[in-house]
């Protein structure tokens, strides 16, 4: 029985990532994210899981996402991969609504010890949400909903264990 448990344990992995980038389009605010995910190895080259974290553009957001990693080659000391996170971002701030979240990337993973590895990747990040905007003067109060779509080219450093 302990052999079966050990085999299942080897299929699980946890990953932390720090992500920053260069904003695209109208925004001049650089994104910054700290993400954590738990992944299950479906195949030696394919893993899937769930993650969450904190992300900052104009507002602090909490992304909740499904993640997928595919190693392009068989695992070696240096292994190229493609990955994607897709889900939803939630805003703890009043008058800001949740929205779509997507971060595809390509990179390379460097194997350290047994199950530990470092990864470097570049990618694209999309975060969409809405916020209530207000304009007030002595004569009028106007409110409207603004749709926000943040786009960025990202650099990602990760640690898996």
C-alpha atoms as a PDB file:
ATOM      1  CA  UNK A   1       0.000   0.000   0.000  1.00  0.00           C
ATOM      2  CA  UNK A   2       2.789   2.486   0.734  1.00  0.00           C
ATOM      3  CA  UNK A   3       4.156   2.000  -2.790  1.00  0.00           C
ATOM      4  CA  UNK A   4       0.824   3.157  -4.232  1.00  0.00           C
ATOM      5  CA  UNK A   5       0.752   6.197  -1.972  1.00  0.00           C
ATOM      6  CA  UNK A   6       4.317   7.115  -2.949  1.00  0.00           C
ATOM      7  CA  UNK A   7       3.432   6.832  -6.640  1.00  0.00           C
ATOM      8  CA  UNK A   8       0.491   9.203  -6.163  1.00  0.00           C
ATOM      9  CA  UNK A   9       2.633  11.660  -4.182  1.00  0.00           C
ATOM     10  CA  UNK A  10       5.127  11.836  -7.061  1.00  0.00           C
ATOM     11  CA  UNK A  11       2.339  12.968  -9.360  1.00  0.00           C
ATOM     12  CA  UNK A  12       1.559  16.120  -7.321  1.00  0.00           C
ATOM     13  CA  UNK A  13       3.615  19.279  -7.479  1.00  0.00           C
ATOM     14  CA  UNK A  14       3.283  22.794  -6.113  1.00  0.00           C
ATOM     15  CA  UNK A  15       4.513  25.853  -7.937  1.00  0.00           C
ATOM     16  CA  UNK A  16       5.016  29.508  -7.010  1.00  0.00           C
ATOM     17  CA  UNK A  17       5.543  32.228  -9.617  1.00  0.00           C
ATOM     18  CA  UNK A  18       6.472  35.884  -9.630  1.00  0.00           C
ATOM     19  CA  UNK A  19       5.262  37.641 -12.766  1.00  0.00           C
ATOM     20  CA  UNK A  20       5.942  41.141 -14.017  1.00  0.00           C
ATOM     21  CA  UNK A  21       5.757  42.673 -17.436  1.00  0.00           C
ATOM     22  CA  UNK A  22       5.455  45.494 -19.882  1.00  0.00           C
ATOM     23  CA  UNK A  23       1.936  46.846 -20.391  1.00  0.00           C
ATOM     24  CA  UNK A  24       0.456  46.994 -23.874  1.00  0.00           C
ATOM     25  CA  UNK A  25      -2.218  49.299 -25.319  1.00  0.00           C
ATOM     26  CA  UNK A  26      -3.407  52.267 -23.255  1.00  0.00           C
ATOM     27  CA  UNK A  27      -2.138  51.260 -19.827  1.00  0.00           C
ATOM     28  CA  UNK A  28       1.165  52.457 -18.426  1.00  0.00           C
ATOM     29  CA  UNK A  29       0.880  50.479 -15.176  1.00  0.00           C
ATOM     30  CA  UNK A  30       3.254  47.514 -14.946  1.00  0.00           C
ATOM     31  CA  UNK A  31       1.633  44.284 -13.786  1.00  0.00           C
ATOM     32  CA  UNK A  32       2.941  42.403 -10.781  1.00  0.00           C
ATOM     33  CA  UNK A  33       1.640  39.014  -9.648  1.00  0.00           C
ATOM     34  CA  UNK A  34       2.439  36.383  -7.058  1.00  0.00           C
ATOM     35  CA  UNK A  35       0.804  33.079  -7.979  1.00  0.00           C
ATOM     36  CA  UNK A  36       0.638  29.608  -6.409  1.00  0.00           C
ATOM     37  CA  UNK A  37      -0.722  26.447  -7.978  1.00  0.00           C
ATOM     38  CA  UNK A  38      -1.121  22.751  -7.227  1.00  0.00           C
ATOM     39  CA  UNK A  39      -0.660  20.480 -10.233  1.00  0.00           C
ATOM     40  CA  UNK A  40      -1.192  16.817 -11.017  1.00  0.00           C
ATOM     41  CA  UNK A  41       0.995  15.013 -13.564  1.00  0.00           C
ATOM     42  CA  UNK A  42      -1.350  13.333 -16.010  1.00  0.00           C
ATOM     43  CA  UNK A  43       1.597  12.195 -18.133  1.00  0.00           C
ATOM     44  CA  UNK A  44       5.377  12.699 -17.670  1.00  0.00           C
ATOM     45  CA  UNK A  45       5.111  15.678 -20.054  1.00  0.00           C
ATOM     46  CA  UNK A  46       1.628  17.008 -19.146  1.00  0.00           C
ATOM     47  CA  UNK A  47       0.321  18.431 -15.871  1.00  0.00           C
ATOM     48  CA  UNK A  48      -2.900  20.213 -14.974  1.00  0.00           C
ATOM     49  CA  UNK A  49      -4.032  21.946 -11.819  1.00  0.00           C
ATOM     50  CA  UNK A  50      -5.630  24.854 -10.021  1.00  0.00           C
ATOM     51  CA  UNK A  51      -4.103  28.082  -8.796  1.00  0.00           C
ATOM     52  CA  UNK A  52      -4.679  31.446  -7.190  1.00  0.00           C
ATOM     53  CA  UNK A  53      -2.687  34.459  -6.069  1.00  0.00           C
ATOM     54  CA  UNK A  54      -2.552  38.229  -6.046  1.00  0.00           C
ATOM     55  CA  UNK A  55      -2.267  40.434  -9.112  1.00  0.00           C
ATOM     56  CA  UNK A  56      -1.840  44.206  -9.294  1.00  0.00           C
ATOM     57  CA  UNK A  57      -2.534  46.602 -12.171  1.00  0.00           C
ATOM     58  CA  UNK A  58      -4.789  49.536 -11.266  1.00  0.00           C
ATOM     59  CA  UNK A  59      -6.404  47.462  -8.516  1.00  0.00           C
ATOM     60  CA  UNK A  60      -5.487  44.460  -6.447  1.00  0.00           C
ATOM     61  CA  UNK A  61      -7.117  41.391  -7.999  1.00  0.00           C
ATOM     62  CA  UNK A  62      -7.323  37.733  -6.947  1.00  0.00           C
ATOM     63  CA  UNK A  63      -7.074  35.388  -9.937  1.00  0.00           C
ATOM     64  CA  UNK A  64      -8.483  31.868  -9.615  1.00  0.00           C
ATOM     65  CA  UNK A  65      -7.539  29.679 -12.559  1.00  0.00           C
ATOM     66  CA  UNK A  66      -6.969  26.290 -14.117  1.00  0.00           C
ATOM     67  CA  UNK A  67      -3.407  25.696 -15.268  1.00  0.00           C
ATOM     68  CA  UNK A  68      -1.929  23.429 -17.929  1.00  0.00           C
ATOM     69  CA  UNK A  69       1.807  22.719 -18.568  1.00  0.00           C
ATOM     70  CA  UNK A  70       3.133  20.746 -21.512  1.00  0.00           C
ATOM     71  CA  UNK A  71       6.834  19.842 -21.791  1.00  0.00           C
ATOM     72  CA  UNK A  72       7.820  20.097 -25.447  1.00  0.00           C
ATOM     73  CA  UNK A  73      10.518  17.415 -25.062  1.00  0.00           C
ATOM     74  CA  UNK A  74      11.042  14.551 -22.637  1.00  0.00           C
ATOM     75  CA  UNK A  75      12.096  15.899 -19.233  1.00  0.00           C
ATOM     76  CA  UNK A  76      15.837  16.637 -19.079  1.00  0.00           C
ATOM     77  CA  UNK A  77      18.032  19.024 -17.082  1.00  0.00           C
ATOM     78  CA  UNK A  78      16.693  21.867 -19.303  1.00  0.00           C
ATOM     79  CA  UNK A  79      13.188  21.253 -20.629  1.00  0.00           C
ATOM     80  CA  UNK A  80      11.267  23.702 -22.861  1.00  0.00           C
ATOM     81  CA  UNK A  81       7.548  24.010 -22.136  1.00  0.00           C
ATOM     82  CA  UNK A  82       4.327  25.811 -22.992  1.00  0.00           C
ATOM     83  CA  UNK A  83       1.835  26.726 -20.283  1.00  0.00           C
ATOM     84  CA  UNK A  84      -1.451  28.499 -19.865  1.00  0.00           C
ATOM     85  CA  UNK A  85      -3.586  29.748 -16.990  1.00  0.00           C
ATOM     86  CA  UNK A  86      -7.230  30.481 -17.671  1.00  0.00           C
ATOM     87  CA  UNK A  87      -9.856  31.580 -15.211  1.00  0.00           C
ATOM     88  CA  UNK A  88     -11.432  34.526 -13.476  1.00  0.00           C
ATOM     89  CA  UNK A  89     -10.153  37.457 -11.420  1.00  0.00           C
ATOM     90  CA  UNK A  90     -11.998  38.701  -8.373  1.00  0.00           C
ATOM     91  CA  UNK A  91     -11.680  42.205  -6.966  1.00  0.00           C
ATOM     92  CA  UNK A  92     -11.822  42.764  -3.215  1.00  0.00           C
ATOM     93  CA  UNK A  93     -12.399  46.495  -3.829  1.00  0.00           C
ATOM     94  CA  UNK A  94     -15.904  47.959  -3.795  1.00  0.00           C
ATOM     95  CA  UNK A  95     -17.229  49.100  -7.215  1.00  0.00           C
ATOM     96  CA  UNK A  96     -14.824  46.796  -9.113  1.00  0.00           C
ATOM     97  CA  UNK A  97     -16.254  43.596 -10.629  1.00  0.00           C
ATOM     98  CA  UNK A  98     -14.550  40.357 -11.513  1.00  0.00           C
ATOM     99  CA  UNK A  99     -13.565  39.351 -15.029  1.00  0.00           C
ATOM    100  CA  UNK A 100     -11.730  37.048 -17.423  1.00  0.00           C
ATOM    101  CA  UNK A 101      -8.080  36.005 -16.854  1.00  0.00           C
ATOM    102  CA  UNK A 102      -5.692  34.381 -19.381  1.00  0.00           C
ATOM    103  CA  UNK A 103      -1.890  33.946 -19.356  1.00  0.00           C
ATOM    104  CA  UNK A 104      -0.303  31.731 -22.062  1.00  0.00           C
ATOM    105  CA  UNK A 105       3.507  31.446 -21.960  1.00  0.00           C
ATOM    106  CA  UNK A 106       6.575  29.597 -23.280  1.00  0.00           C
ATOM    107  CA  UNK A 107       9.710  28.934 -21.311  1.00  0.00           C
ATOM    108  CA  UNK A 108      12.347  26.598 -20.027  1.00  0.00           C
ATOM    109  CA  UNK A 109      12.461  24.551 -16.836  1.00  0.00           C
ATOM    110  CA  UNK A 110      15.751  23.753 -15.073  1.00  0.00           C
ATOM    111  CA  UNK A 111      15.713  20.610 -12.918  1.00  0.00           C
ATOM    112  CA  UNK A 112      17.399  21.093  -9.519  1.00  0.00           C
ATOM    113  CA  UNK A 113      17.036  18.205  -7.070  1.00  0.00           C
ATOM    114  CA  UNK A 114      14.568  15.312  -7.039  1.00  0.00           C
ATOM    115  CA  UNK A 115      11.297  17.147  -7.638  1.00  0.00           C
ATOM    116  CA  UNK A 116      12.464  20.761  -7.412  1.00  0.00           C
ATOM    117  CA  UNK A 117      12.882  22.958 -10.467  1.00  0.00           C
ATOM    118  CA  UNK A 118      13.198  26.570 -11.544  1.00  0.00           C
ATOM    119  CA  UNK A 119      11.412  27.968 -14.570  1.00  0.00           C
ATOM    120  CA  UNK A 120      11.760  31.084 -16.697  1.00  0.00           C
ATOM    121  CA  UNK A 121       9.119  32.020 -19.216  1.00  0.00           C
ATOM    122  CA  UNK A 122       7.754  34.862 -21.311  1.00  0.00           C
ATOM    123  CA  UNK A 123       4.150  35.270 -22.227  1.00  0.00           C
ATOM    124  CA  UNK A 124       1.062  37.390 -22.559  1.00  0.00           C
ATOM    125  CA  UNK A 125      -1.425  38.360 -19.854  1.00  0.00           C
ATOM    126  CA  UNK A 126      -5.025  39.457 -20.241  1.00  0.00           C
ATOM    127  CA  UNK A 127      -7.151  40.621 -17.322  1.00  0.00           C
ATOM    128  CA  UNK A 128     -10.626  41.987 -17.897  1.00  0.00           C
ATOM    129  CA  UNK A 129     -12.939  43.554 -15.338  1.00  0.00           C
ATOM    130  CA  UNK A 130     -15.443  46.372 -14.918  1.00  0.00           C
ATOM    131  CA  UNK A 131     -15.495  49.267 -12.495  1.00  0.00           C
ATOM    132  CA  UNK A 132     -18.011  51.898 -11.525  1.00  0.00           C
ATOM    133  CA  UNK A 133     -16.759  55.413 -12.281  1.00  0.00           C
ATOM    134  CA  UNK A 134     -18.278  58.551 -10.789  1.00  0.00           C
ATOM    135  CA  UNK A 135     -18.060  62.202 -11.702  1.00  0.00           C
ATOM    136  CA  UNK A 136     -19.506  64.742  -9.308  1.00  0.00           C
ATOM    137  CA  UNK A 137     -19.851  68.504  -9.517  1.00  0.00           C
ATOM    138  CA  UNK A 138     -22.076  70.990  -7.720  1.00  0.00           C
ATOM    139  CA  UNK A 139     -24.840  70.446 -10.296  1.00  0.00           C
ATOM    140  CA  UNK A 140     -24.604  66.833 -11.379  1.00  0.00           C
ATOM    141  CA  UNK A 141     -23.596  63.354 -10.286  1.00  0.00           C
ATOM    142  CA  UNK A 142     -22.803  60.974 -13.117  1.00  0.00           C
ATOM    143  CA  UNK A 143     -21.953  57.309 -12.790  1.00  0.00           C
ATOM    144  CA  UNK A 144     -21.064  54.831 -15.505  1.00  0.00           C
ATOM    145  CA  UNK A 145     -19.557  51.385 -15.823  1.00  0.00           C
ATOM    146  CA  UNK A 146     -16.131  51.224 -17.450  1.00  0.00           C
ATOM    147  CA  UNK A 147     -14.886  48.009 -19.069  1.00  0.00           C
ATOM    148  CA  UNK A 148     -11.158  47.537 -18.439  1.00  0.00           C
ATOM    149  CA  UNK A 149      -8.948  45.190 -20.438  1.00  0.00           C
ATOM    150  CA  UNK A 150      -5.327  44.992 -19.287  1.00  0.00           C
ATOM    151  CA  UNK A 151      -2.826  43.459 -21.727  1.00  0.00           C
ATOM    152  CA  UNK A 152       0.864  42.855 -21.007  1.00  0.00           C
ATOM    153  CA  UNK A 153       3.934  41.016 -22.222  1.00  0.00           C
ATOM    154  CA  UNK A 154       5.170  39.148 -19.166  1.00  0.00           C
ATOM    155  CA  UNK A 155       8.315  37.646 -17.677  1.00  0.00           C
ATOM    156  CA  UNK A 156       7.761  34.834 -15.190  1.00  0.00           C
ATOM    157  CA  UNK A 157      10.115  33.210 -12.659  1.00  0.00           C
ATOM    158  CA  UNK A 158       8.830  30.055 -10.986  1.00  0.00           C
ATOM    159  CA  UNK A 159       9.863  27.470  -8.412  1.00  0.00           C
ATOM    160  CA  UNK A 160       8.270  24.009  -8.351  1.00  0.00           C
ATOM    161  CA  UNK A 161       8.537  21.511  -5.511  1.00  0.00           C
END
